[in-house]
Amino acid sequence: MALRDILVHADQSPHFEKRFRIALKLAKNQKSELTGLFSQANAFMESRTSGLEKRRKQHEAASVALCERVTPEAEAAGVKLNWITAPFDREEEKVTDQVIFYAQHFDMIIVGQHDESVHDGSIPADLAECLVLESGRPILIIPYAGKFEHVGKRAIVAWNTGRESVRALNDAIPLIRDAKRVKVVAINPRRKGKRHGVVPSADIVQHLVRHGLKAEADHFATDGVDEGNLLLNIASDERADLLVMGAYGHHRFRELVLGGVTREILDHMTLPVLMSH
């Protein structure tokens, strides 16, 4: 099982090139094609109707310039790079719709964590959340802070036997197939509603071992620490470069209703996170 096509969201934010280079490494490792999707809005000019044609041309030119900037890196890596310029729009919500539409035609999507310090109205603050809940695809979210030489060499899997957790782990297998270590973590495994065996997470570890992965089981009780913080602390202690987890929540009329752990991780992630819903 391998990824054959990866989509990376492209924009003019200062974090795009880091995101692109991670996507490029993954595409090379997976022997997959990489597609950049340039999609951003001009929300601060939403009420203006004059100059739309000029802004459309600027949008196209910005996309071309970005593509030209990263194409030599893709060529040097031997990765086929495709490029899509989504239509210009003034509304942030249209960016979300565009990315969800294209996302459904790829094996995995790579986006950035929202960074409030550089938010200029061009990218929806909840883009990653909407993609996780609506696209039906695994979403790899890259933190705006930190450097990540590798993704998937030392992975933490948050396992709670729920459907979302099962889906996320299955989606992650291509990324962690060459991992030096995979730790499957069950948190509060004896709480009502969780279906663990005698040794929590040991059964799913056996599944990973059959895939040839170096996996081990572990479990923790929160003891007053919220689950999101505990997961991030475990990831730090293990020097992990990937956290795999199911995303819990639903989407109603553009109002996100996320589970507490999902929200905590999205807000405070310190490493790349693969989420599936």
C-alpha atoms as a PDB file:
ATOM      1  CA  MET A   1       0.000   0.000   0.000  1.00  0.00           C
ATOM      2  CA  ALA A   2       1.448   3.341  -1.058  1.00  0.00           C
ATOM      3  CA  LEU A   3       0.338   6.863  -1.808  1.00  0.00           C
ATOM      4  CA  ARG A   4       0.111   7.551  -5.526  1.00  0.00           C
ATOM      5  CA  ASP A   5      -0.878  11.219  -5.480  1.00  0.00           C
ATOM      6  CA  ILE A   6      -0.402  13.823  -2.771  1.00  0.00           C
ATOM      7  CA  LEU A   7      -1.961  17.287  -2.698  1.00  0.00           C
ATOM      8  CA  VAL A   8      -0.291  20.175  -0.901  1.00  0.00           C
ATOM      9  CA  HIS A   9      -2.126  23.442  -0.303  1.00  0.00           C
ATOM     10  CA  ALA A  10      -0.191  26.398  -1.687  1.00  0.00           C
ATOM     11  CA  ASP A  11      -0.536  30.048  -0.767  1.00  0.00           C
ATOM     12  CA  GLN A  12       1.585  33.138  -0.210  1.00  0.00           C
ATOM     13  CA  SER A  13       1.959  32.621   3.530  1.00  0.00           C
ATOM     14  CA  PRO A  14       5.487  32.472   4.995  1.00  0.00           C
ATOM     15  CA  HIS A  15       4.969  28.809   5.966  1.00  0.00           C
ATOM     16  CA  PHE A  16       4.261  27.401   2.503  1.00  0.00           C
ATOM     17  CA  GLU A  17       7.809  26.481   1.506  1.00  0.00           C
ATOM     18  CA  LYS A  18       8.361  24.428   4.679  1.00  0.00           C
ATOM     19  CA  ARG A  19       5.110  22.627   3.979  1.00  0.00           C
ATOM     20  CA  PHE A  20       6.088  22.080   0.356  1.00  0.00           C
ATOM     21  CA  ARG A  21       9.470  20.584   1.219  1.00  0.00           C
ATOM     22  CA  ILE A  22       7.865  18.095   3.605  1.00  0.00           C
ATOM     23  CA  ALA A  23       5.366  17.186   0.886  1.00  0.00           C
ATOM     24  CA  LEU A  24       8.214  16.785  -1.595  1.00  0.00           C
ATOM     25  CA  LYS A  25      10.128  14.398   0.678  1.00  0.00           C
ATOM     26  CA  LEU A  26       7.015  12.319   1.233  1.00  0.00           C
ATOM     27  CA  ALA A  27       6.245  12.198  -2.484  1.00  0.00           C
ATOM     28  CA  LYS A  28       9.787  11.071  -3.249  1.00  0.00           C
ATOM     29  CA  ASN A  29       9.644   8.401  -0.548  1.00  0.00           C
ATOM     30  CA  GLN A  30       6.260   7.174  -1.756  1.00  0.00           C
ATOM     31  CA  LYS A  31       7.214   7.415  -5.449  1.00  0.00           C
ATOM     32  CA  SER A  32       4.062   9.445  -5.936  1.00  0.00           C
ATOM     33  CA  GLU A  33       3.092  12.509  -7.912  1.00  0.00           C
ATOM     34  CA  LEU A  34       2.800  15.793  -6.044  1.00  0.00           C
ATOM     35  CA  THR A  35       0.233  18.437  -6.874  1.00  0.00           C
ATOM     36  CA  GLY A  36       0.326  21.978  -5.581  1.00  0.00           C
ATOM     37  CA  LEU A  37      -3.082  23.647  -5.242  1.00  0.00           C
ATOM     38  CA  PHE A  38      -2.885  27.442  -5.131  1.00  0.00           C
ATOM     39  CA  SER A  39      -6.012  28.682  -3.408  1.00  0.00           C
ATOM     40  CA  GLN A  40      -6.417  31.879  -1.427  1.00  0.00           C
ATOM     41  CA  ALA A  41      -8.890  34.721  -1.092  1.00  0.00           C
ATOM     42  CA  ASN A  42      -8.762  38.466  -0.720  1.00  0.00           C
ATOM     43  CA  ALA A  43     -11.234  38.758   2.117  1.00  0.00           C
ATOM     44  CA  PHE A  44     -10.318  42.316   3.086  1.00  0.00           C
ATOM     45  CA  MET A  45     -11.578  43.520  -0.284  1.00  0.00           C
ATOM     46  CA  GLU A  46     -14.780  41.483  -0.159  1.00  0.00           C
ATOM     47  CA  SER A  47     -17.080  44.511  -0.380  1.00  0.00           C
ATOM     48  CA  ARG A  48     -15.331  46.014  -3.395  1.00  0.00           C
ATOM     49  CA  THR A  49     -16.545  45.130  -6.871  1.00  0.00           C
ATOM     50  CA  SER A  50     -14.176  47.336  -8.868  1.00  0.00           C
ATOM     51  CA  GLY A  51     -10.861  45.986 -10.058  1.00  0.00           C
ATOM     52  CA  LEU A  52     -11.925  42.336  -9.936  1.00  0.00           C
ATOM     53  CA  GLU A  53     -10.327  41.502 -13.272  1.00  0.00           C
ATOM     54  CA  LYS A  54      -7.060  43.063 -12.150  1.00  0.00           C
ATOM     55  CA  ARG A  55      -7.103  41.013  -8.957  1.00  0.00           C
ATOM     56  CA  ARG A  56      -7.815  37.831 -10.906  1.00  0.00           C
ATOM     57  CA  LYS A  57      -4.729  38.477 -12.992  1.00  0.00           C
ATOM     58  CA  GLN A  58      -2.677  39.146  -9.862  1.00  0.00           C
ATOM     59  CA  HIS A  59      -3.972  35.873  -8.419  1.00  0.00           C
ATOM     60  CA  GLU A  60      -2.883  33.979 -11.543  1.00  0.00           C
ATOM     61  CA  ALA A  61       0.512  35.696 -11.565  1.00  0.00           C
ATOM     62  CA  ALA A  62       1.131  34.885  -7.890  1.00  0.00           C
ATOM     63  CA  SER A  63       0.334  31.229  -8.547  1.00  0.00           C
ATOM     64  CA  VAL A  64       2.674  31.059 -11.533  1.00  0.00           C
ATOM     65  CA  ALA A  65       5.476  32.728  -9.565  1.00  0.00           C
ATOM     66  CA  LEU A  66       5.072  30.277  -6.690  1.00  0.00           C
ATOM     67  CA  CYS A  67       5.067  27.319  -9.048  1.00  0.00           C
ATOM     68  CA  GLU A  68       8.210  28.544 -10.790  1.00  0.00           C
ATOM     69  CA  ARG A  69       9.916  28.973  -7.417  1.00  0.00           C
ATOM     70  CA  VAL A  70       9.390  25.387  -6.280  1.00  0.00           C
ATOM     71  CA  THR A  71       9.577  23.534  -9.603  1.00  0.00           C
ATOM     72  CA  PRO A  72      13.406  23.292  -9.568  1.00  0.00           C
ATOM     73  CA  GLU A  73      13.249  21.571  -6.165  1.00  0.00           C
ATOM     74  CA  ALA A  74      10.799  18.999  -7.499  1.00  0.00           C
ATOM     75  CA  GLU A  75      12.940  18.404 -10.569  1.00  0.00           C
ATOM     76  CA  ALA A  76      16.040  17.928  -8.407  1.00  0.00           C
ATOM     77  CA  ALA A  77      14.161  15.405  -6.271  1.00  0.00           C
ATOM     78  CA  GLY A  78      12.889  13.515  -9.297  1.00  0.00           C
ATOM     79  CA  VAL A  79       9.253  14.104  -8.319  1.00  0.00           C
ATOM     80  CA  LYS A  80       6.597  14.882 -10.914  1.00  0.00           C
ATOM     81  CA  LEU A  81       4.997  18.167  -9.863  1.00  0.00           C
ATOM     82  CA  ASN A  82       1.568  19.167 -11.089  1.00  0.00           C
ATOM     83  CA  TRP A  83       0.083  22.577 -10.359  1.00  0.00           C
ATOM     84  CA  ILE A  84      -3.505  23.782 -10.071  1.00  0.00           C
ATOM     85  CA  THR A  85      -4.584  27.391  -9.746  1.00  0.00           C
ATOM     86  CA  ALA A  86      -8.018  27.537  -8.145  1.00  0.00           C
ATOM     87  CA  PRO A  87     -10.253  30.384  -9.367  1.00  0.00           C
ATOM     88  CA  PHE A  88      -9.877  33.719  -7.607  1.00  0.00           C
ATOM     89  CA  ASP A  89     -12.536  34.567  -5.057  1.00  0.00           C
ATOM     90  CA  ARG A  90     -12.978  37.250  -2.426  1.00  0.00           C
ATOM     91  CA  GLU A  91     -14.526  34.972   0.206  1.00  0.00           C
ATOM     92  CA  GLU A  92     -12.603  32.735   2.610  1.00  0.00           C
ATOM     93  CA  GLU A  93     -15.356  30.124   2.533  1.00  0.00           C
ATOM     94  CA  LYS A  94     -14.816  29.618  -1.193  1.00  0.00           C
ATOM     95  CA  VAL A  95     -11.208  28.649  -0.464  1.00  0.00           C
ATOM     96  CA  THR A  96     -12.486  25.932   1.861  1.00  0.00           C
ATOM     97  CA  ASP A  97     -14.890  24.686  -0.818  1.00  0.00           C
ATOM     98  CA  GLN A  98     -12.149  24.669  -3.438  1.00  0.00           C
ATOM     99  CA  VAL A  99      -9.666  22.714  -1.355  1.00  0.00           C
ATOM    100  CA  ILE A 100     -12.288  20.169  -0.249  1.00  0.00           C
ATOM    101  CA  PHE A 101     -13.298  19.595  -3.870  1.00  0.00           C
ATOM    102  CA  TYR A 102      -9.751  18.900  -5.043  1.00  0.00           C
ATOM    103  CA  ALA A 103      -8.843  16.973  -1.888  1.00  0.00           C
ATOM    104  CA  GLN A 104     -11.363  14.262  -2.691  1.00  0.00           C
ATOM    105  CA  HIS A 105      -9.318  13.285  -5.746  1.00  0.00           C
ATOM    106  CA  PHE A 106      -6.029  12.572  -3.928  1.00  0.00           C
ATOM    107  CA  ASP A 107      -4.673   9.975  -1.518  1.00  0.00           C
ATOM    108  CA  MET A 108      -3.559  12.505   1.079  1.00  0.00           C
ATOM    109  CA  ILE A 109      -3.674  16.260   1.615  1.00  0.00           C
ATOM    110  CA  ILE A 110      -1.038  18.395   3.321  1.00  0.00           C
ATOM    111  CA  VAL A 111      -2.036  21.722   4.859  1.00  0.00           C
ATOM    112  CA  GLY A 112      -0.644  24.104   7.436  1.00  0.00           C
ATOM    113  CA  GLN A 113      -1.737  24.780  10.988  1.00  0.00           C
ATOM    114  CA  HIS A 114      -3.472  28.119  11.379  1.00  0.00           C
ATOM    115  CA  ASP A 115      -1.097  30.860  12.520  1.00  0.00           C
ATOM    116  CA  GLU A 116      -3.018  33.781  13.968  1.00  0.00           C
ATOM    117  CA  SER A 117       0.083  36.003  13.918  1.00  0.00           C
ATOM    118  CA  VAL A 118       0.139  36.094  10.100  1.00  0.00           C
ATOM    119  CA  HIS A 119      -3.582  35.754   9.403  1.00  0.00           C
ATOM    120  CA  ASP A 120      -4.513  38.239   6.675  1.00  0.00           C
ATOM    121  CA  GLY A 121      -7.913  36.973   5.586  1.00  0.00           C
ATOM    122  CA  SER A 122      -6.609  35.002   2.626  1.00  0.00           C
ATOM    123  CA  ILE A 123      -6.851  31.538   4.217  1.00  0.00           C
ATOM    124  CA  PRO A 124      -9.735  30.434   6.470  1.00  0.00           C
ATOM    125  CA  ALA A 125      -8.655  29.912  10.070  1.00  0.00           C
ATOM    126  CA  ASP A 126     -10.561  26.627  10.139  1.00  0.00           C
ATOM    127  CA  LEU A 127      -9.318  25.216   6.821  1.00  0.00           C
ATOM    128  CA  ALA A 128      -7.573  22.207   8.366  1.00  0.00           C
ATOM    129  CA  GLU A 129     -10.579  21.365  10.548  1.00  0.00           C
ATOM    130  CA  CYS A 130     -13.000  21.588   7.615  1.00  0.00           C
ATOM    131  CA  LEU A 131     -10.804  19.350   5.490  1.00  0.00           C
ATOM    132  CA  VAL A 132     -10.555  16.747   8.239  1.00  0.00           C
ATOM    133  CA  LEU A 133     -14.304  16.655   8.812  1.00  0.00           C
ATOM    134  CA  GLU A 134     -15.551  17.030   5.243  1.00  0.00           C
ATOM    135  CA  SER A 135     -13.063  15.703   2.697  1.00  0.00           C
ATOM    136  CA  GLY A 136     -13.121  12.012   3.587  1.00  0.00           C
ATOM    137  CA  ARG A 137      -9.341  11.939   3.119  1.00  0.00           C
ATOM    138  CA  PRO A 138      -6.399  11.772   5.546  1.00  0.00           C
ATOM    139  CA  ILE A 139      -5.086  15.251   6.292  1.00  0.00           C
ATOM    140  CA  LEU A 140      -1.469  15.823   7.298  1.00  0.00           C
ATOM    141  CA  ILE A 141      -1.248  19.101   9.201  1.00  0.00           C
ATOM    142  CA  ILE A 142       2.142  20.795   9.514  1.00  0.00           C
ATOM    143  CA  PRO A 143       2.746  23.087  12.514  1.00  0.00           C
ATOM    144  CA  TYR A 144       3.743  26.647  11.716  1.00  0.00           C
ATOM    145  CA  ALA A 145       6.506  26.463  14.334  1.00  0.00           C
ATOM    146  CA  GLY A 146       9.460  24.094  14.293  1.00  0.00           C
ATOM    147  CA  LYS A 147      11.559  22.254  11.732  1.00  0.00           C
ATOM    148  CA  PHE A 148      10.885  18.687  10.680  1.00  0.00           C
ATOM    149  CA  GLU A 149      13.552  16.774   8.801  1.00  0.00           C
ATOM    150  CA  HIS A 150      11.473  13.609   8.688  1.00  0.00           C
ATOM    151  CA  VAL A 151       7.838  12.624   9.068  1.00  0.00           C
ATOM    152  CA  GLY A 152       6.975   9.101  10.150  1.00  0.00           C
ATOM    153  CA  LYS A 153      10.328   7.766  11.371  1.00  0.00           C
ATOM    154  CA  ARG A 154       9.195   7.840  15.014  1.00  0.00           C
ATOM    155  CA  ALA A 155       5.419   7.830  15.247  1.00  0.00           C
ATOM    156  CA  ILE A 156       2.876   7.985  18.046  1.00  0.00           C
ATOM    157  CA  VAL A 157      -0.565   6.525  17.342  1.00  0.00           C
ATOM    158  CA  ALA A 158      -3.431   7.612  19.586  1.00  0.00           C
ATOM    159  CA  TRP A 159      -5.589   4.494  19.823  1.00  0.00           C
ATOM    160  CA  ASN A 160      -9.033   4.346  21.419  1.00  0.00           C
ATOM    161  CA  THR A 161     -10.764   1.635  19.298  1.00  0.00           C
ATOM    162  CA  GLY A 162     -13.222   4.151  17.806  1.00  0.00           C
ATOM    163  CA  ARG A 163     -14.018   4.222  14.087  1.00  0.00           C
ATOM    164  CA  GLU A 164     -12.050   7.436  13.574  1.00  0.00           C
ATOM    165  CA  SER A 165      -9.030   5.929  15.316  1.00  0.00           C
ATOM    166  CA  VAL A 166      -9.174   2.808  13.132  1.00  0.00           C
ATOM    167  CA  ARG A 167      -9.449   4.940  10.003  1.00  0.00           C
ATOM    168  CA  ALA A 168      -6.508   7.164  10.963  1.00  0.00           C
ATOM    169  CA  LEU A 169      -4.214   4.229  11.682  1.00  0.00           C
ATOM    170  CA  ASN A 170      -5.055   2.559   8.385  1.00  0.00           C
ATOM    171  CA  ASP A 171      -4.455   5.838   6.522  1.00  0.00           C
ATOM    172  CA  ALA A 172      -1.087   6.253   8.257  1.00  0.00           C
ATOM    173  CA  ILE A 173       0.426   2.903   7.260  1.00  0.00           C
ATOM    174  CA  PRO A 174       2.071   4.239   4.062  1.00  0.00           C
ATOM    175  CA  LEU A 175       3.718   7.031   6.080  1.00  0.00           C
ATOM    176  CA  ILE A 176       5.051   4.803   8.864  1.00  0.00           C
ATOM    177  CA  ARG A 177       6.062   1.730   6.859  1.00  0.00           C
ATOM    178  CA  ASP A 178       9.770   2.567   7.292  1.00  0.00           C
ATOM    179  CA  ALA A 179       9.468   3.859  10.848  1.00  0.00           C
ATOM    180  CA  LYS A 180      12.200   3.035  13.316  1.00  0.00           C
ATOM    181  CA  ARG A 181       9.572   2.950  16.034  1.00  0.00           C
ATOM    182  CA  VAL A 182       5.801   3.143  16.260  1.00  0.00           C
ATOM    183  CA  LYS A 183       4.245   3.485  19.705  1.00  0.00           C
ATOM    184  CA  VAL A 184       0.521   2.813  19.894  1.00  0.00           C
ATOM    185  CA  VAL A 185      -0.865   4.618  22.919  1.00  0.00           C
ATOM    186  CA  ALA A 186      -4.181   3.940  24.630  1.00  0.00           C
ATOM    187  CA  ILE A 187      -5.248   6.640  27.070  1.00  0.00           C
ATOM    188  CA  ASN A 188      -7.659   5.723  29.842  1.00  0.00           C
ATOM    189  CA  PRO A 189      -8.334   2.386  28.124  1.00  0.00           C
ATOM    190  CA  ARG A 190     -10.699   1.057  30.790  1.00  0.00           C
ATOM    191  CA  ARG A 191     -13.220   3.837  30.442  1.00  0.00           C
ATOM    192  CA  LYS A 192     -16.700   2.774  29.445  1.00  0.00           C
ATOM    193  CA  GLY A 193     -17.213   2.305  25.714  1.00  0.00           C
ATOM    194  CA  LYS A 194     -13.632   1.399  24.792  1.00  0.00           C
ATOM    195  CA  ARG A 195     -13.051  -2.086  23.402  1.00  0.00           C
ATOM    196  CA  HIS A 196      -9.538  -3.081  24.459  1.00  0.00           C
ATOM    197  CA  GLY A 197      -8.279  -6.591  25.038  1.00  0.00           C
ATOM    198  CA  VAL A 198      -6.414  -7.847  28.093  1.00  0.00           C
ATOM    199  CA  VAL A 199      -3.415  -5.682  27.224  1.00  0.00           C
ATOM    200  CA  PRO A 200      -4.607  -2.297  25.869  1.00  0.00           C
ATOM    201  CA  SER A 201      -3.584  -1.635  22.231  1.00  0.00           C
ATOM    202  CA  ALA A 202      -1.664  -4.940  22.021  1.00  0.00           C
ATOM    203  CA  ASP A 203      -4.105  -6.407  19.495  1.00  0.00           C
ATOM    204  CA  ILE A 204      -3.747  -3.537  17.024  1.00  0.00           C
ATOM    205  CA  VAL A 205       0.028  -3.673  17.455  1.00  0.00           C
ATOM    206  CA  GLN A 206      -0.072  -7.258  16.200  1.00  0.00           C
ATOM    207  CA  HIS A 207      -1.862  -6.001  13.101  1.00  0.00           C
ATOM    208  CA  LEU A 208       0.955  -3.508  12.505  1.00  0.00           C
ATOM    209  CA  VAL A 209       3.595  -6.168  13.078  1.00  0.00           C
ATOM    210  CA  ARG A 210       1.976  -8.234  10.344  1.00  0.00           C
ATOM    211  CA  HIS A 211       2.523  -5.233   8.106  1.00  0.00           C
ATOM    212  CA  GLY A 212       6.210  -5.419   8.947  1.00  0.00           C
ATOM    213  CA  LEU A 213       6.201  -2.423  11.281  1.00  0.00           C
ATOM    214  CA  LYS A 214       8.261  -2.087  14.454  1.00  0.00           C
ATOM    215  CA  ALA A 215       5.369  -1.348  16.771  1.00  0.00           C
ATOM    216  CA  GLU A 216       4.825  -1.532  20.499  1.00  0.00           C
ATOM    217  CA  ALA A 217       1.868  -1.018  22.800  1.00  0.00           C
ATOM    218  CA  ASP A 218       1.563   1.327  25.742  1.00  0.00           C
ATOM    219  CA  HIS A 219      -1.209   2.853  27.806  1.00  0.00           C
ATOM    220  CA  PHE A 220      -1.613   5.762  30.184  1.00  0.00           C
ATOM    221  CA  ALA A 221      -4.110   7.276  32.571  1.00  0.00           C
ATOM    222  CA  THR A 222      -4.611  11.016  32.391  1.00  0.00           C
ATOM    223  CA  ASP A 223      -4.375  11.581  36.170  1.00  0.00           C
ATOM    224  CA  GLY A 224      -5.735  15.094  35.898  1.00  0.00           C
ATOM    225  CA  VAL A 225      -3.890  16.029  32.679  1.00  0.00           C
ATOM    226  CA  ASP A 226      -6.149  16.502  29.657  1.00  0.00           C
ATOM    227  CA  GLU A 227      -5.683  13.917  26.912  1.00  0.00           C
ATOM    228  CA  GLY A 228      -4.439  16.375  24.303  1.00  0.00           C
ATOM    229  CA  ASN A 229      -1.631  17.642  26.511  1.00  0.00           C
ATOM    230  CA  LEU A 230      -0.747  14.099  27.522  1.00  0.00           C
ATOM    231  CA  LEU A 231      -0.432  13.042  23.887  1.00  0.00           C
ATOM    232  CA  LEU A 232       1.834  16.000  23.111  1.00  0.00           C
ATOM    233  CA  ASN A 233       3.952  15.251  26.187  1.00  0.00           C
ATOM    234  CA  ILE A 234       4.324  11.611  25.122  1.00  0.00           C
ATOM    235  CA  ALA A 235       5.278  12.701  21.612  1.00  0.00           C
ATOM    236  CA  SER A 236       7.923  15.022  23.044  1.00  0.00           C
ATOM    237  CA  ASP A 237       9.328  12.354  25.358  1.00  0.00           C
ATOM    238  CA  GLU A 238       9.549   9.916  22.455  1.00  0.00           C
ATOM    239  CA  ARG A 239      11.067  12.535  20.112  1.00  0.00           C
ATOM    240  CA  ALA A 240       8.286  11.622  17.694  1.00  0.00           C
ATOM    241  CA  ASP A 241       7.980  13.243  14.281  1.00  0.00           C
ATOM    242  CA  LEU A 242       4.370  12.206  13.616  1.00  0.00           C
ATOM    243  CA  LEU A 243       1.194  11.902  15.650  1.00  0.00           C
ATOM    244  CA  VAL A 244      -1.608   9.805  14.176  1.00  0.00           C
ATOM    245  CA  MET A 245      -5.105  10.244  15.542  1.00  0.00           C
ATOM    246  CA  GLY A 246      -8.774  10.148  14.670  1.00  0.00           C
ATOM    247  CA  ALA A 247     -10.577  13.484  14.609  1.00  0.00           C
ATOM    248  CA  TYR A 248     -13.825  13.716  16.519  1.00  0.00           C
ATOM    249  CA  GLY A 249     -16.543  16.209  15.784  1.00  0.00           C
ATOM    250  CA  HIS A 250     -19.050  17.251  13.148  1.00  0.00           C
ATOM    251  CA  HIS A 251     -19.764  20.159  10.858  1.00  0.00           C
ATOM    252  CA  ARG A 252     -23.097  21.987  10.780  1.00  0.00           C
ATOM    253  CA  PHE A 253     -23.786  25.011   8.606  1.00  0.00           C
ATOM    254  CA  ARG A 254     -20.101  25.951   8.641  1.00  0.00           C
ATOM    255  CA  GLU A 255     -19.997  25.736  12.420  1.00  0.00           C
ATOM    256  CA  LEU A 256     -17.328  23.336  13.598  1.00  0.00           C
ATOM    257  CA  VAL A 257     -18.096  21.253  16.634  1.00  0.00           C
ATOM    258  CA  LEU A 258     -14.889  19.462  17.548  1.00  0.00           C
ATOM    259  CA  GLY A 259     -14.026  17.065  20.327  1.00  0.00           C
ATOM    260  CA  GLY A 260     -11.857  18.516  23.075  1.00  0.00           C
ATOM    261  CA  VAL A 261      -8.785  16.423  22.266  1.00  0.00           C
ATOM    262  CA  THR A 262      -9.032  17.239  18.546  1.00  0.00           C
ATOM    263  CA  ARG A 263      -9.226  20.969  19.295  1.00  0.00           C
ATOM    264  CA  GLU A 264      -6.359  20.834  21.792  1.00  0.00           C
ATOM    265  CA  ILE A 265      -4.064  19.148  19.283  1.00  0.00           C
ATOM    266  CA  LEU A 266      -4.984  21.493  16.426  1.00  0.00           C
ATOM    267  CA  ASP A 267      -4.338  24.532  18.606  1.00  0.00           C
ATOM    268  CA  HIS A 268      -1.117  23.383  20.276  1.00  0.00           C
ATOM    269  CA  MET A 269       0.506  20.827  17.973  1.00  0.00           C
ATOM    270  CA  THR A 270       4.295  20.636  18.145  1.00  0.00           C
ATOM    271  CA  LEU A 271       4.776  17.992  15.429  1.00  0.00           C
ATOM    272  CA  PRO A 272       3.061  16.982  12.184  1.00  0.00           C
ATOM    273  CA  VAL A 273      -0.306  15.359  12.838  1.00  0.00           C
ATOM    274  CA  LEU A 274      -2.165  12.982  10.540  1.00  0.00           C
ATOM    275  CA  MET A 275      -5.903  13.196  11.208  1.00  0.00           C
ATOM    276  CA  SER A 276      -8.742  11.196   9.708  1.00  0.00           C
ATOM    277  CA  HIS A 277     -12.452  11.349  10.294  1.00  0.00           C
END
